[in-house]
Structures are given as C-alpha cells and as structure tokens.
Amino acid sequence: MDKKLAIIVLHYRTAELTADCLDSLDGQLDREDRVVVVDNDSADGSAERIETHIEERGYSGWARVVRSP
C-alpha cells in the first residue's frame, strides 16, 4: 500500500513565512504528496502573493491555496 501525505498550512497574514514554509518542503515530498495552504480570510493580499509564489516556483503540482471565508 502506498502512503500519501497531506500537509495543511493554516495561514493568516503571513505570506512571507508561508512562502518560506513551501520553499522548505520543495524536494522533500513524494510524487503524490500534497500541501494545502488555507488562507483564513487575510484580506491583505496574502493569498494572492502565496498563489503567485506557488506558480512562479513551479509548486502547482503539489501545493494550492484554499480561501476560507
């Protein structure tokens, strides 16, 4: 049985720290592992900055942002 890992990162107005967290995970995950960054209604542009970071760094295959109202 293959094991899969899901990492949930709860985020509120800490775009730079969250980007650093994603950078630290790059190259450490198996092919089917996933990271979900949950933005807790930061309303300061953080979610957009993290989405841009994910796209620019090529993390889209394993990371995504979910916005919580």
PDB file of N, CA and C in Angstrom:
ATOM      1  N   MET A   1       0.845  -1.178   0.000  1.00  0.00           N
ATOM      2  CA  MET A   1       0.000   0.000   0.000  1.00  0.00           C
ATOM      3  C   MET A   1       0.894   1.246   0.000  1.00  0.00           C
ATOM      4  N   ASP A   2       0.638   2.146  -0.931  1.00  0.00           N
ATOM      5  CA  ASP A   2       1.372   3.405  -0.985  1.00  0.00           C
ATOM      6  C   ASP A   2       0.808   4.363   0.053  1.00  0.00           C
ATOM      7  N   LYS A   3       1.698   5.038   0.727  1.00  0.00           N
ATOM      8  CA  LYS A   3       1.274   6.045   1.691  1.00  0.00           C
ATOM      9  C   LYS A   3       1.335   7.406   1.027  1.00  0.00           C
ATOM     10  N   LYS A   4       0.333   8.211   1.308  1.00  0.00           N
ATOM     11  CA  LYS A   4       0.282   9.567   0.788  1.00  0.00           C
ATOM     12  C   LYS A   4       0.247  10.525   1.964  1.00  0.00           C
ATOM     13  N   LEU A   5       0.843  11.666   1.773  1.00  0.00           N
ATOM     14  CA  LEU A   5       0.923  12.666   2.826  1.00  0.00           C
ATOM     15  C   LEU A   5       0.180  13.918   2.384  1.00  0.00           C
ATOM     16  N   ALA A   6      -0.611  14.469   3.298  1.00  0.00           N
ATOM     17  CA  ALA A   6      -1.267  15.754   3.068  1.00  0.00           C
ATOM     18  C   ALA A   6      -0.830  16.691   4.185  1.00  0.00           C
ATOM     19  N   ILE A   7      -0.291  17.826   3.805  1.00  0.00           N
ATOM     20  CA  ILE A   7       0.135  18.831   4.776  1.00  0.00           C
ATOM     21  C   ILE A   7      -0.812  20.017   4.639  1.00  0.00           C
ATOM     22  N   ILE A   8      -1.374  20.432   5.763  1.00  0.00           N
ATOM     23  CA  ILE A   8      -2.271  21.578   5.789  1.00  0.00           C
ATOM     24  C   ILE A   8      -1.548  22.705   6.518  1.00  0.00           C
ATOM     25  N   VAL A   9      -1.413  23.845   5.851  1.00  0.00           N
ATOM     26  CA  VAL A   9      -0.772  25.018   6.448  1.00  0.00           C
ATOM     27  C   VAL A   9      -1.856  26.070   6.650  1.00  0.00           C
ATOM     28  N   LEU A  10      -2.135  26.387   7.903  1.00  0.00           N
ATOM     29  CA  LEU A  10      -3.106  27.436   8.202  1.00  0.00           C
ATOM     30  C   LEU A  10      -2.379  28.770   8.174  1.00  0.00           C
ATOM     31  N   HIS A  11      -2.961  29.720   7.480  1.00  0.00           N
ATOM     32  CA  HIS A  11      -2.274  30.980   7.205  1.00  0.00           C
ATOM     33  C   HIS A  11      -3.190  32.159   7.494  1.00  0.00           C
ATOM     34  N   TYR A  12      -2.648  33.179   8.138  1.00  0.00           N
ATOM     35  CA  TYR A  12      -3.364  34.437   8.338  1.00  0.00           C
ATOM     36  C   TYR A  12      -2.344  35.570   8.325  1.00  0.00           C
ATOM     37  N   ARG A  13      -2.296  36.256   7.196  1.00  0.00           N
ATOM     38  CA  ARG A  13      -1.440  37.445   7.043  1.00  0.00           C
ATOM     39  C   ARG A  13       0.047  37.171   7.275  1.00  0.00           C
ATOM     40  N   THR A  14       0.514  36.026   6.802  1.00  0.00           N
ATOM     41  CA  THR A  14       1.941  35.690   6.948  1.00  0.00           C
ATOM     42  C   THR A  14       2.471  35.137   5.628  1.00  0.00           C
ATOM     43  N   ALA A  15       2.303  35.885   4.571  1.00  0.00           N
ATOM     44  CA  ALA A  15       2.669  35.406   3.233  1.00  0.00           C
ATOM     45  C   ALA A  15       4.140  35.010   3.144  1.00  0.00           C
ATOM     46  N   GLU A  16       5.033  35.821   3.703  1.00  0.00           N
ATOM     47  CA  GLU A  16       6.457  35.528   3.591  1.00  0.00           C
ATOM     48  C   GLU A  16       6.829  34.250   4.346  1.00  0.00           C
ATOM     49  N   LEU A  17       6.292  34.081   5.551  1.00  0.00           N
ATOM     50  CA  LEU A  17       6.570  32.864   6.322  1.00  0.00           C
ATOM     51  C   LEU A  17       5.997  31.628   5.631  1.00  0.00           C
ATOM     52  N   THR A  18       4.822  31.777   5.061  1.00  0.00           N
ATOM     53  CA  THR A  18       4.206  30.651   4.359  1.00  0.00           C
ATOM     54  C   THR A  18       5.000  30.301   3.111  1.00  0.00           C
ATOM     55  N   ALA A  19       5.480  31.301   2.392  1.00  0.00           N
ATOM     56  CA  ALA A  19       6.327  31.048   1.224  1.00  0.00           C
ATOM     57  C   ALA A  19       7.612  30.328   1.646  1.00  0.00           C
ATOM     58  N   ASP A  20       8.194  30.741   2.763  1.00  0.00           N
ATOM     59  CA  ASP A  20       9.384  30.060   3.281  1.00  0.00           C
ATOM     60  C   ASP A  20       9.073  28.605   3.630  1.00  0.00           C
ATOM     61  N   CYS A  21       7.916  28.378   4.205  1.00  0.00           N
ATOM     62  CA  CYS A  21       7.495  27.020   4.542  1.00  0.00           C
ATOM     63  C   CYS A  21       7.398  26.168   3.278  1.00  0.00           C
ATOM     64  N   LEU A  22       6.772  26.698   2.240  1.00  0.00           N
ATOM     65  CA  LEU A  22       6.652  25.965   0.976  1.00  0.00           C
ATOM     66  C   LEU A  22       8.029  25.695   0.382  1.00  0.00           C
ATOM     67  N   ASP A  23       8.910  26.683   0.440  1.00  0.00           N
ATOM     68  CA  ASP A  23      10.270  26.500  -0.079  1.00  0.00           C
ATOM     69  C   ASP A  23      10.987  25.373   0.655  1.00  0.00           C
ATOM     70  N   SER A  24      10.756  25.267   1.961  1.00  0.00           N
ATOM     71  CA  SER A  24      11.424  24.224   2.742  1.00  0.00           C
ATOM     72  C   SER A  24      10.907  22.834   2.395  1.00  0.00           C
ATOM     73  N   LEU A  25       9.694  22.757   1.886  1.00  0.00           N
ATOM     74  CA  LEU A  25       9.114  21.461   1.511  1.00  0.00           C
ATOM     75  C   LEU A  25       9.499  21.032   0.094  1.00  0.00           C
ATOM     76  N   ASP A  26       9.943  21.978  -0.713  1.00  0.00           N
ATOM     77  CA  ASP A  26      10.310  21.667  -2.092  1.00  0.00           C
ATOM     78  C   ASP A  26      11.414  20.611  -2.114  1.00  0.00           C
ATOM     79  N   GLY A  27      11.174  19.537  -2.839  1.00  0.00           N
ATOM     80  CA  GLY A  27      12.139  18.455  -2.954  1.00  0.00           C
ATOM     81  C   GLY A  27      12.069  17.431  -1.834  1.00  0.00           C
ATOM     82  N   GLN A  28      11.230  17.674  -0.838  1.00  0.00           N
ATOM     83  CA  GLN A  28      11.109  16.765   0.301  1.00  0.00           C
ATOM     84  C   GLN A  28       9.898  15.837   0.198  1.00  0.00           C
ATOM     85  N   LEU A  29       9.015  16.113  -0.736  1.00  0.00           N
ATOM     86  CA  LEU A  29       7.760  15.371  -0.826  1.00  0.00           C
ATOM     87  C   LEU A  29       7.828  14.301  -1.900  1.00  0.00           C
ATOM     88  N   ASP A  30       7.054  13.250  -1.689  1.00  0.00           N
ATOM     89  CA  ASP A  30       6.897  12.235  -2.717  1.00  0.00           C
ATOM     90  C   ASP A  30       5.942  12.739  -3.776  1.00  0.00           C
ATOM     91  N   ARG A  31       5.922  12.060  -4.879  1.00  0.00           N
ATOM     92  CA  ARG A  31       5.146  12.462  -6.053  1.00  0.00           C
ATOM     93  C   ARG A  31       3.660  12.691  -5.753  1.00  0.00           C
ATOM     94  N   GLU A  32       3.074  11.920  -4.869  1.00  0.00           N
ATOM     95  CA  GLU A  32       1.636  12.032  -4.618  1.00  0.00           C
ATOM     96  C   GLU A  32       1.286  12.838  -3.369  1.00  0.00           C
ATOM     97  N   ASP A  33       2.274  13.370  -2.681  1.00  0.00           N
ATOM     98  CA  ASP A  33       2.017  14.197  -1.503  1.00  0.00           C
ATOM     99  C   ASP A  33       1.473  15.557  -1.938  1.00  0.00           C
ATOM    100  N   ARG A  34       0.691  16.158  -1.056  1.00  0.00           N
ATOM    101  CA  ARG A  34       0.068  17.442  -1.369  1.00  0.00           C
ATOM    102  C   ARG A  34       0.171  18.388  -0.180  1.00  0.00           C
ATOM    103  N   VAL A  35       0.212  19.690  -0.498  1.00  0.00           N
ATOM    104  CA  VAL A  35       0.197  20.736   0.520  1.00  0.00           C
ATOM    105  C   VAL A  35      -0.961  21.671   0.197  1.00  0.00           C
ATOM    106  N   VAL A  36      -1.771  21.927   1.211  1.00  0.00           N
ATOM    107  CA  VAL A  36      -2.884  22.866   1.065  1.00  0.00           C
ATOM    108  C   VAL A  36      -2.652  24.001   2.046  1.00  0.00           C
ATOM    109  N   VAL A  37      -2.567  25.205   1.516  1.00  0.00           N
ATOM    110  CA  VAL A  37      -2.458  26.402   2.347  1.00  0.00           C
ATOM    111  C   VAL A  37      -3.866  26.956   2.490  1.00  0.00           C
ATOM    112  N   VAL A  38      -4.359  27.015   3.715  1.00  0.00           N
ATOM    113  CA  VAL A  38      -5.690  27.557   3.973  1.00  0.00           C
ATOM    114  C   VAL A  38      -5.524  28.990   4.446  1.00  0.00           C
ATOM    115  N   ASP A  39      -5.992  29.919   3.619  1.00  0.00           N
ATOM    116  CA  ASP A  39      -5.954  31.337   3.970  1.00  0.00           C
ATOM    117  C   ASP A  39      -7.213  31.657   4.765  1.00  0.00           C
ATOM    118  N   ASN A  40      -7.024  32.128   5.984  1.00  0.00           N
ATOM    119  CA  ASN A  40      -8.143  32.388   6.887  1.00  0.00           C
ATOM    120  C   ASN A  40      -8.633  33.827   6.735  1.00  0.00           C
ATOM    121  N   ASP A  41      -9.070  34.167   5.514  1.00  0.00           N
ATOM    122  CA  ASP A  41      -9.637  35.488   5.204  1.00  0.00           C
ATOM    123  C   ASP A  41      -8.690  36.624   5.590  1.00  0.00           C
ATOM    124  N   SER A  42      -7.439  36.514   5.150  1.00  0.00           N
ATOM    125  CA  SER A  42      -6.427  37.517   5.487  1.00  0.00           C
ATOM    126  C   SER A  42      -6.798  38.917   5.016  1.00  0.00           C
ATOM    127  N   ALA A  43      -7.403  39.020   3.846  1.00  0.00           N
ATOM    128  CA  ALA A  43      -7.867  40.306   3.310  1.00  0.00           C
ATOM    129  C   ALA A  43      -6.752  41.346   3.187  1.00  0.00           C
ATOM    130  N   ASP A  44      -5.508  40.870   3.018  1.00  0.00           N
ATOM    131  CA  ASP A  44      -4.396  41.801   2.852  1.00  0.00           C
ATOM    132  C   ASP A  44      -3.569  41.479   1.602  1.00  0.00           C
ATOM    133  N   GLY A  45      -4.106  40.623   0.746  1.00  0.00           N
ATOM    134  CA  GLY A  45      -3.397  40.233  -0.461  1.00  0.00           C
ATOM    135  C   GLY A  45      -2.469  39.050  -0.266  1.00  0.00           C
ATOM    136  N   SER A  46      -2.416  38.502   0.934  1.00  0.00           N
ATOM    137  CA  SER A  46      -1.534  37.375   1.228  1.00  0.00           C
ATOM    138  C   SER A  46      -1.836  36.159   0.364  1.00  0.00           C
ATOM    139  N   ALA A  47      -3.105  35.828   0.226  1.00  0.00           N
ATOM    140  CA  ALA A  47      -3.480  34.640  -0.551  1.00  0.00           C
ATOM    141  C   ALA A  47      -2.983  34.778  -1.987  1.00  0.00           C
ATOM    142  N   GLU A  48      -3.140  35.959  -2.555  1.00  0.00           N
ATOM    143  CA  GLU A  48      -2.675  36.194  -3.915  1.00  0.00           C
ATOM    144  C   GLU A  48      -1.156  36.069  -4.017  1.00  0.00           C
ATOM    145  N   ARG A  49      -0.444  36.606  -3.027  1.00  0.00           N
ATOM    146  CA  ARG A  49       1.021  36.514  -3.031  1.00  0.00           C
ATOM    147  C   ARG A  49       1.482  35.064  -2.930  1.00  0.00           C
ATOM    148  N   ILE A  50       0.802  34.273  -2.123  1.00  0.00           N
ATOM    149  CA  ILE A  50       1.167  32.866  -1.995  1.00  0.00           C
ATOM    150  C   ILE A  50       0.853  32.115  -3.281  1.00  0.00           C
ATOM    151  N   GLU A  51      -0.295  32.399  -3.883  1.00  0.00           N
ATOM    152  CA  GLU A  51      -0.631  31.766  -5.165  1.00  0.00           C
ATOM    153  C   GLU A  51       0.413  32.100  -6.227  1.00  0.00           C
ATOM    154  N   THR A  52       0.842  33.337  -6.263  1.00  0.00           N
ATOM    155  CA  THR A  52       1.872  33.751  -7.214  1.00  0.00           C
ATOM    156  C   THR A  52       3.186  33.020  -6.923  1.00  0.00           C
ATOM    157  N   HIS A  53       3.541  32.899  -5.667  1.00  0.00           N
ATOM    158  CA  HIS A  53       4.760  32.185  -5.280  1.00  0.00           C
ATOM    159  C   HIS A  53       4.696  30.728  -5.736  1.00  0.00           C
ATOM    160  N   ILE A  54       3.565  30.089  -5.517  1.00  0.00           N
ATOM    161  CA  ILE A  54       3.382  28.694  -5.929  1.00  0.00           C
ATOM    162  C   ILE A  54       3.558  28.569  -7.441  1.00  0.00           C
ATOM    163  N   GLU A  55       2.941  29.459  -8.177  1.00  0.00           N
ATOM    164  CA  GLU A  55       3.028  29.407  -9.641  1.00  0.00           C
ATOM    165  C   GLU A  55       4.454  29.684 -10.129  1.00  0.00           C
ATOM    166  N   GLU A  56       5.072  30.737  -9.606  1.00  0.00           N
ATOM    167  CA  GLU A  56       6.416  31.120 -10.062  1.00  0.00           C
ATOM    168  C   GLU A  56       7.473  30.066  -9.743  1.00  0.00           C
ATOM    169  N   ARG A  57       7.333  29.378  -8.630  1.00  0.00           N
ATOM    170  CA  ARG A  57       8.313  28.373  -8.211  1.00  0.00           C
ATOM    171  C   ARG A  57       8.030  26.982  -8.780  1.00  0.00           C
ATOM    172  N   GLY A  58       6.882  26.842  -9.455  1.00  0.00           N
ATOM    173  CA  GLY A  58       6.552  25.543 -10.034  1.00  0.00           C
ATOM    174  C   GLY A  58       6.028  24.538  -9.032  1.00  0.00           C
ATOM    175  N   TYR A  59       5.415  25.014  -7.972  1.00  0.00           N
ATOM    176  CA  TYR A  59       4.887  24.136  -6.938  1.00  0.00           C
ATOM    177  C   TYR A  59       3.448  23.694  -7.208  1.00  0.00           C
ATOM    178  N   SER A  60       2.885  24.110  -8.310  1.00  0.00           N
ATOM    179  CA  SER A  60       1.465  23.846  -8.592  1.00  0.00           C
ATOM    180  C   SER A  60       1.108  22.372  -8.605  1.00  0.00           C
ATOM    181  N   GLY A  61       2.067  21.506  -8.864  1.00  0.00           N
ATOM    182  CA  GLY A  61       1.786  20.080  -8.877  1.00  0.00           C
ATOM    183  C   GLY A  61       1.520  19.498  -7.502  1.00  0.00           C
ATOM    184  N   TRP A  62       1.969  20.201  -6.460  1.00  0.00           N
ATOM    185  CA  TRP A  62       1.792  19.656  -5.111  1.00  0.00           C
ATOM    186  C   TRP A  62       1.244  20.647  -4.087  1.00  0.00           C
ATOM    187  N   ALA A  63       1.091  21.919  -4.455  1.00  0.00           N
ATOM    188  CA  ALA A  63       0.607  22.919  -3.491  1.00  0.00           C
ATOM    189  C   ALA A  63      -0.509  23.746  -4.100  1.00  0.00           C
ATOM    190  N   ARG A  64      -1.423  24.145  -3.223  1.00  0.00           N
ATOM    191  CA  ARG A  64      -2.510  25.027  -3.657  1.00  0.00           C
ATOM    192  C   ARG A  64      -3.014  25.827  -2.457  1.00  0.00           C
ATOM    193  N   VAL A  65      -3.744  26.879  -2.764  1.00  0.00           N
ATOM    194  CA  VAL A  65      -4.323  27.737  -1.742  1.00  0.00           C
ATOM    195  C   VAL A  65      -5.844  27.550  -1.740  1.00  0.00           C
ATOM    196  N   VAL A  66      -6.401  27.413  -0.546  1.00  0.00           N
ATOM    197  CA  VAL A  66      -7.852  27.370  -0.365  1.00  0.00           C
ATOM    198  C   VAL A  66      -8.196  28.564   0.508  1.00  0.00           C
ATOM    199  N   ARG A  67      -9.183  29.327   0.088  1.00  0.00           N
ATOM    200  CA  ARG A  67      -9.572  30.526   0.850  1.00  0.00           C
ATOM    201  C   ARG A  67     -10.776  30.211   1.749  1.00  0.00           C
ATOM    202  N   SER A  68     -10.585  30.445   3.022  1.00  0.00           N
ATOM    203  CA  SER A  68     -11.661  30.225   3.982  1.00  0.00           C
ATOM    204  C   SER A  68     -12.317  31.570   4.285  1.00  0.00           C
ATOM    205  N   PRO A  69     -13.635  31.613   4.200  1.00  0.00           N
ATOM    206  CA  PRO A  69     -14.323  32.896   4.468  1.00  0.00           C
ATOM    207  C   PRO A  69     -14.296  33.301   5.939  1.00  0.00           C
TER     208      PRO A  69
END
